[in-house]
Structures are given as C-alpha cells and as structure tokens.
N, C-alpha and C. Protein backbone atom coordinates (compact mmCIF):
# COMPACT_ATOMS: atom_id res chain seq x y z
N MET A 1 93.95 101.97 97.00
CA MET A 1 93.73 103.07 97.93
C MET A 1 93.53 102.51 99.33
N GLU A 2 94.08 103.20 100.28
CA GLU A 2 94.02 102.76 101.66
C GLU A 2 92.62 102.97 102.23
N GLU A 3 92.19 102.08 103.12
CA GLU A 3 90.88 102.17 103.76
C GLU A 3 90.90 103.29 104.80
N THR A 4 90.06 104.30 104.63
CA THR A 4 90.08 105.48 105.51
C THR A 4 88.89 105.55 106.46
N GLY A 5 88.02 104.55 106.45
CA GLY A 5 86.86 104.58 107.34
C GLY A 5 86.00 105.80 107.05
N SER A 6 85.70 106.56 108.09
CA SER A 6 84.83 107.73 107.93
C SER A 6 85.57 108.97 107.45
N TRP A 7 86.90 108.92 107.35
CA TRP A 7 87.68 110.10 106.98
C TRP A 7 87.46 110.48 105.52
N VAL A 8 87.14 111.77 105.33
CA VAL A 8 86.89 112.31 104.00
C VAL A 8 87.86 113.47 103.76
N LEU A 9 88.52 113.45 102.63
CA LEU A 9 89.41 114.54 102.24
C LEU A 9 88.54 115.70 101.76
N VAL A 10 88.62 116.85 102.46
CA VAL A 10 87.77 117.99 102.09
C VAL A 10 88.53 119.04 101.29
N SER A 11 89.86 119.04 101.38
CA SER A 11 90.64 119.95 100.53
C SER A 11 92.10 119.50 100.49
N ARG A 12 92.76 119.91 99.42
CA ARG A 12 94.20 119.65 99.26
C ARG A 12 94.79 120.85 98.54
N THR A 13 95.81 121.45 99.15
CA THR A 13 96.53 122.56 98.54
C THR A 13 97.88 122.01 98.08
N LEU A 14 98.05 121.89 96.78
CA LEU A 14 99.28 121.31 96.25
C LEU A 14 100.44 122.29 96.31
N ALA A 15 101.58 121.76 96.66
CA ALA A 15 102.81 122.56 96.65
C ALA A 15 103.32 122.64 95.21
N PRO A 16 103.95 123.74 94.83
CA PRO A 16 104.48 123.85 93.46
C PRO A 16 105.47 122.71 93.16
N TYR A 17 105.33 122.13 91.99
CA TYR A 17 106.24 121.09 91.50
C TYR A 17 106.24 119.82 92.33
N LYS A 18 105.18 119.58 93.08
CA LYS A 18 105.08 118.36 93.88
C LYS A 18 103.73 117.71 93.61
N LYS A 19 103.66 116.43 93.87
CA LYS A 19 102.40 115.71 93.72
C LYS A 19 101.62 115.65 95.02
N THR A 20 102.22 116.14 96.11
CA THR A 20 101.55 116.13 97.41
C THR A 20 101.34 117.56 97.87
N GLY A 21 100.61 117.71 98.96
CA GLY A 21 100.37 119.03 99.50
C GLY A 21 99.74 118.92 100.88
N VAL A 22 99.28 120.03 101.39
CA VAL A 22 98.63 120.08 102.69
C VAL A 22 97.17 119.67 102.52
N GLU A 23 96.75 118.70 103.32
CA GLU A 23 95.40 118.15 103.21
C GLU A 23 94.57 118.49 104.46
N LYS A 24 93.27 118.57 104.27
CA LYS A 24 92.33 118.75 105.38
C LYS A 24 91.36 117.58 105.35
N TRP A 25 91.28 116.87 106.47
CA TRP A 25 90.44 115.69 106.60
C TRP A 25 89.37 115.93 107.65
N ARG A 26 88.20 115.30 107.48
CA ARG A 26 87.11 115.32 108.45
C ARG A 26 86.65 113.88 108.64
N GLY A 27 86.36 113.51 109.89
CA GLY A 27 85.90 112.15 110.15
C GLY A 27 85.53 111.95 111.60
N LEU A 28 85.36 110.70 111.98
CA LEU A 28 84.96 110.32 113.33
C LEU A 28 86.14 109.80 114.13
N SER A 29 86.14 110.09 115.44
CA SER A 29 87.26 109.69 116.30
C SER A 29 87.44 108.18 116.36
N VAL A 30 86.38 107.42 116.15
CA VAL A 30 86.49 105.96 116.18
C VAL A 30 87.43 105.45 115.08
N ASP A 31 87.65 106.25 114.04
CA ASP A 31 88.50 105.85 112.92
C ASP A 31 89.87 106.53 112.91
N LEU A 32 90.33 107.02 114.06
CA LEU A 32 91.64 107.69 114.11
C LEU A 32 92.77 106.79 113.61
N ASP A 33 92.66 105.49 113.84
CA ASP A 33 93.71 104.59 113.39
C ASP A 33 93.74 104.42 111.86
N ARG A 34 92.73 104.94 111.17
CA ARG A 34 92.67 104.87 109.71
C ARG A 34 93.02 106.20 109.06
N LEU A 35 93.42 107.17 109.84
CA LEU A 35 93.74 108.49 109.32
C LEU A 35 94.91 108.40 108.35
N PRO A 36 94.71 108.82 107.09
CA PRO A 36 95.75 108.69 106.07
C PRO A 36 96.99 109.53 106.38
N ARG A 37 98.12 109.08 105.87
CA ARG A 37 99.39 109.80 105.99
C ARG A 37 99.89 110.12 104.59
N THR A 38 99.04 110.77 103.82
CA THR A 38 99.35 111.05 102.42
C THR A 38 99.73 112.49 102.16
N GLY A 39 99.50 113.38 103.11
CA GLY A 39 99.78 114.80 102.90
C GLY A 39 101.14 115.21 103.40
N ASP A 40 101.40 116.50 103.27
CA ASP A 40 102.64 117.09 103.75
C ASP A 40 102.46 117.59 105.19
N THR A 41 103.57 118.00 105.79
CA THR A 41 103.53 118.60 107.11
C THR A 41 102.56 119.78 107.10
N GLY A 42 101.72 119.82 108.13
CA GLY A 42 100.70 120.87 108.23
C GLY A 42 99.31 120.41 107.85
N SER A 43 99.22 119.18 107.33
CA SER A 43 97.89 118.62 107.05
C SER A 43 97.13 118.49 108.36
N THR A 44 95.81 118.66 108.32
CA THR A 44 95.01 118.62 109.54
C THR A 44 93.88 117.61 109.41
N ALA A 45 93.44 117.14 110.57
CA ALA A 45 92.30 116.23 110.66
C ALA A 45 91.42 116.70 111.80
N TYR A 46 90.12 116.78 111.54
CA TYR A 46 89.17 117.25 112.54
C TYR A 46 88.14 116.16 112.81
N CYS A 47 88.01 115.78 114.10
CA CYS A 47 87.01 114.79 114.49
C CYS A 47 85.69 115.52 114.73
N ILE A 48 84.72 115.23 113.89
CA ILE A 48 83.46 115.96 113.98
C ILE A 48 82.63 115.56 115.20
N ASP A 49 82.91 114.39 115.78
CA ASP A 49 82.14 113.95 116.94
C ASP A 49 82.72 114.43 118.27
N THR A 50 84.03 114.65 118.34
CA THR A 50 84.66 115.04 119.61
C THR A 50 85.30 116.43 119.55
N HIS A 51 85.32 117.04 118.38
CA HIS A 51 85.91 118.36 118.16
C HIS A 51 87.41 118.38 118.40
N GLU A 52 88.06 117.23 118.31
CA GLU A 52 89.52 117.15 118.42
C GLU A 52 90.13 117.49 117.07
N GLU A 53 91.33 118.08 117.10
CA GLU A 53 92.04 118.39 115.87
C GLU A 53 93.46 117.86 115.98
N PHE A 54 93.95 117.35 114.85
CA PHE A 54 95.29 116.78 114.78
C PHE A 54 96.02 117.40 113.61
N MET A 55 97.37 117.46 113.73
CA MET A 55 98.19 117.97 112.64
C MET A 55 99.27 116.94 112.33
N TYR A 56 99.50 116.74 111.03
CA TYR A 56 100.46 115.76 110.56
C TYR A 56 101.83 116.40 110.37
N GLU A 57 102.88 115.65 110.76
CA GLU A 57 104.26 116.08 110.54
C GLU A 57 104.94 114.97 109.77
N LYS A 58 105.33 115.27 108.53
CA LYS A 58 105.79 114.24 107.58
C LYS A 58 107.10 113.57 107.98
N THR A 59 108.09 114.32 108.51
CA THR A 59 109.38 113.70 108.80
C THR A 59 109.29 112.66 109.92
N THR A 60 108.33 112.82 110.81
CA THR A 60 108.13 111.83 111.87
C THR A 60 107.02 110.84 111.52
N ASP A 61 106.27 111.13 110.44
CA ASP A 61 105.15 110.31 109.99
C ASP A 61 104.14 110.10 111.12
N ARG A 62 103.82 111.21 111.82
CA ARG A 62 102.90 111.14 112.97
C ARG A 62 101.86 112.25 112.91
N TRP A 63 100.69 111.92 113.43
CA TRP A 63 99.65 112.92 113.67
C TRP A 63 99.76 113.35 115.13
N TYR A 64 99.77 114.66 115.38
CA TYR A 64 99.89 115.20 116.73
C TYR A 64 98.59 115.89 117.13
N SER A 65 98.18 115.68 118.37
CA SER A 65 96.99 116.33 118.90
C SER A 65 97.25 117.82 119.04
N MET A 66 96.29 118.62 118.58
CA MET A 66 96.43 120.08 118.68
C MET A 66 95.74 120.56 119.95
N PRO A 67 96.31 121.58 120.60
CA PRO A 67 95.69 122.08 121.83
C PRO A 67 94.38 122.81 121.52
N THR A 68 93.47 122.78 122.49
CA THR A 68 92.24 123.55 122.36
C THR A 68 92.49 124.94 122.92
N GLN A 69 91.48 125.81 122.88
CA GLN A 69 91.67 127.18 123.36
C GLN A 69 92.03 127.23 124.84
N ASN A 70 91.62 126.23 125.62
CA ASN A 70 91.96 126.24 127.04
C ASN A 70 93.34 125.63 127.31
N GLY A 71 94.09 125.29 126.23
CA GLY A 71 95.47 124.82 126.39
C GLY A 71 95.64 123.33 126.50
N SER A 72 94.54 122.58 126.54
CA SER A 72 94.68 121.13 126.62
C SER A 72 94.36 120.50 125.29
N GLY A 73 94.84 119.29 125.09
CA GLY A 73 94.50 118.56 123.88
C GLY A 73 93.14 117.91 124.03
N GLY A 74 92.68 117.26 122.99
CA GLY A 74 91.40 116.56 123.07
C GLY A 74 91.53 115.29 123.85
N GLY A 75 90.40 114.65 124.17
CA GLY A 75 90.40 113.40 124.89
C GLY A 75 90.12 112.25 123.96
N GLY A 76 89.86 111.08 124.52
CA GLY A 76 89.51 109.93 123.70
C GLY A 76 90.71 109.07 123.37
N GLU A 77 90.42 107.87 122.85
CA GLU A 77 91.50 106.95 122.49
C GLU A 77 92.13 107.38 121.18
N LEU A 78 93.43 107.18 121.08
CA LEU A 78 94.17 107.49 119.86
C LEU A 78 94.59 106.21 119.19
N GLY A 79 94.54 106.17 117.88
CA GLY A 79 94.96 105.00 117.12
C GLY A 79 96.47 104.93 117.02
N PRO A 80 97.00 103.85 116.49
CA PRO A 80 98.45 103.69 116.32
C PRO A 80 99.05 104.83 115.51
N GLY A 81 100.19 105.33 115.94
CA GLY A 81 100.87 106.40 115.22
C GLY A 81 100.40 107.78 115.61
N LEU A 82 99.38 107.89 116.46
CA LEU A 82 98.90 109.20 116.90
C LEU A 82 99.52 109.49 118.26
N GLU A 83 99.98 110.70 118.43
CA GLU A 83 100.68 111.07 119.65
C GLU A 83 99.90 112.13 120.42
N THR A 84 99.77 111.93 121.71
CA THR A 84 99.07 112.88 122.55
C THR A 84 99.94 114.08 122.92
N PRO A 85 101.23 113.90 123.27
CA PRO A 85 102.02 115.05 123.72
C PRO A 85 102.14 116.14 122.66
N ILE A 86 102.09 117.37 123.10
CA ILE A 86 102.29 118.52 122.23
C ILE A 86 103.80 118.76 122.18
N ALA A 87 104.31 119.09 121.02
CA ALA A 87 105.74 119.31 120.86
C ALA A 87 106.20 120.51 121.68
N THR A 88 107.41 120.42 122.23
CA THR A 88 108.00 121.54 122.95
C THR A 88 108.47 122.59 121.96
N ASP A 89 108.77 123.80 122.44
CA ASP A 89 109.28 124.86 121.57
C ASP A 89 110.57 124.42 120.88
N GLU A 90 111.43 123.70 121.61
CA GLU A 90 112.68 123.23 121.04
C GLU A 90 112.43 122.23 119.92
N GLU A 91 111.46 121.33 120.11
CA GLU A 91 111.14 120.35 119.08
C GLU A 91 110.57 121.03 117.83
N VAL A 92 109.75 122.04 118.03
CA VAL A 92 109.18 122.78 116.90
C VAL A 92 110.31 123.49 116.15
N ASP A 93 111.21 124.16 116.87
CA ASP A 93 112.34 124.83 116.22
C ASP A 93 113.19 123.84 115.43
N GLU A 94 113.46 122.68 116.01
CA GLU A 94 114.26 121.67 115.34
C GLU A 94 113.57 121.19 114.06
N MET A 95 112.25 120.96 114.14
CA MET A 95 111.50 120.52 112.97
C MET A 95 111.50 121.59 111.89
N LEU A 96 111.27 122.84 112.26
CA LEU A 96 111.25 123.93 111.29
C LEU A 96 112.62 124.13 110.65
N ASN A 97 113.68 124.01 111.45
CA ASN A 97 115.04 124.12 110.90
C ASN A 97 115.31 122.98 109.92
N THR A 98 114.81 121.78 110.21
CA THR A 98 114.98 120.65 109.31
C THR A 98 114.26 120.90 107.99
N VAL A 99 113.05 121.43 108.06
CA VAL A 99 112.24 121.63 106.87
C VAL A 99 112.71 122.84 106.06
N PHE A 100 112.97 123.97 106.73
CA PHE A 100 113.24 125.22 106.03
C PHE A 100 114.69 125.68 106.07
N GLY A 101 115.54 125.01 106.82
CA GLY A 101 116.92 125.45 106.98
C GLY A 101 117.05 126.28 108.25
N GLU A 102 118.26 126.39 108.73
CA GLU A 102 118.53 127.05 110.00
C GLU A 102 117.98 128.48 110.03
N ASN A 103 117.01 128.70 110.90
CA ASN A 103 116.39 130.03 111.16
C ASN A 103 115.88 130.72 109.89
N ASN A 104 115.40 129.95 108.91
CA ASN A 104 114.83 130.51 107.69
C ASN A 104 113.32 130.45 107.68
N TYR A 105 112.69 130.53 108.82
CA TYR A 105 111.23 130.48 108.89
C TYR A 105 110.69 131.65 109.62
C-alpha cells in the first residue's frame, strides 16, 4: 500500500462491475504530494487545515484545485502532479466527451 501521510479515505462509492469508484479523502495540506491516485474521475480531497478542495481526473492522472465560493482556488504549495489552473469550459467538454461519448452527458 502506498504511503498516504495524513490522508484518510472517508468513503468510496463503487461503480457497477468495477473494482474502483469515486473516493473522498481528508488530510493535511502538507501531505498533498502523498494524495493517492486510486479512485475514478470525480474523487475529491479536502485539506482540513486550509479548507482547500481538489478533484481527481483519471485520464490525466491529476488532482485539480477546486474553486471556492469567491471564484478563486485555494492557496498553499502543491505537491507533484497537482495542478492549480482550473479547467476551461472547452477542456471540461472534451473530458466529458472522452468519458461519456460525444454530448452524452
């Protein structure tokens, strides 16, 4: 098992006929570089010390910073593989088309 530091898996919703699913993680921002990449697209991670939230996208194998209510992402240092930029509408459409098929979402 991979070393996850302070990250704790608090829930996993399994997809039908799959061994993986959407996961919810809680942990400290100091351990962002240890955030597991074991879930499916839509898995989330919440930093309890900084209130930052991240969402995992499986095809890119990256955790993306989620915007806060005021429209900005969280602050702080990000570990390897974590991306600060928020995806554009075009990037989201492309990702959804890849996952669900052309305009089937």
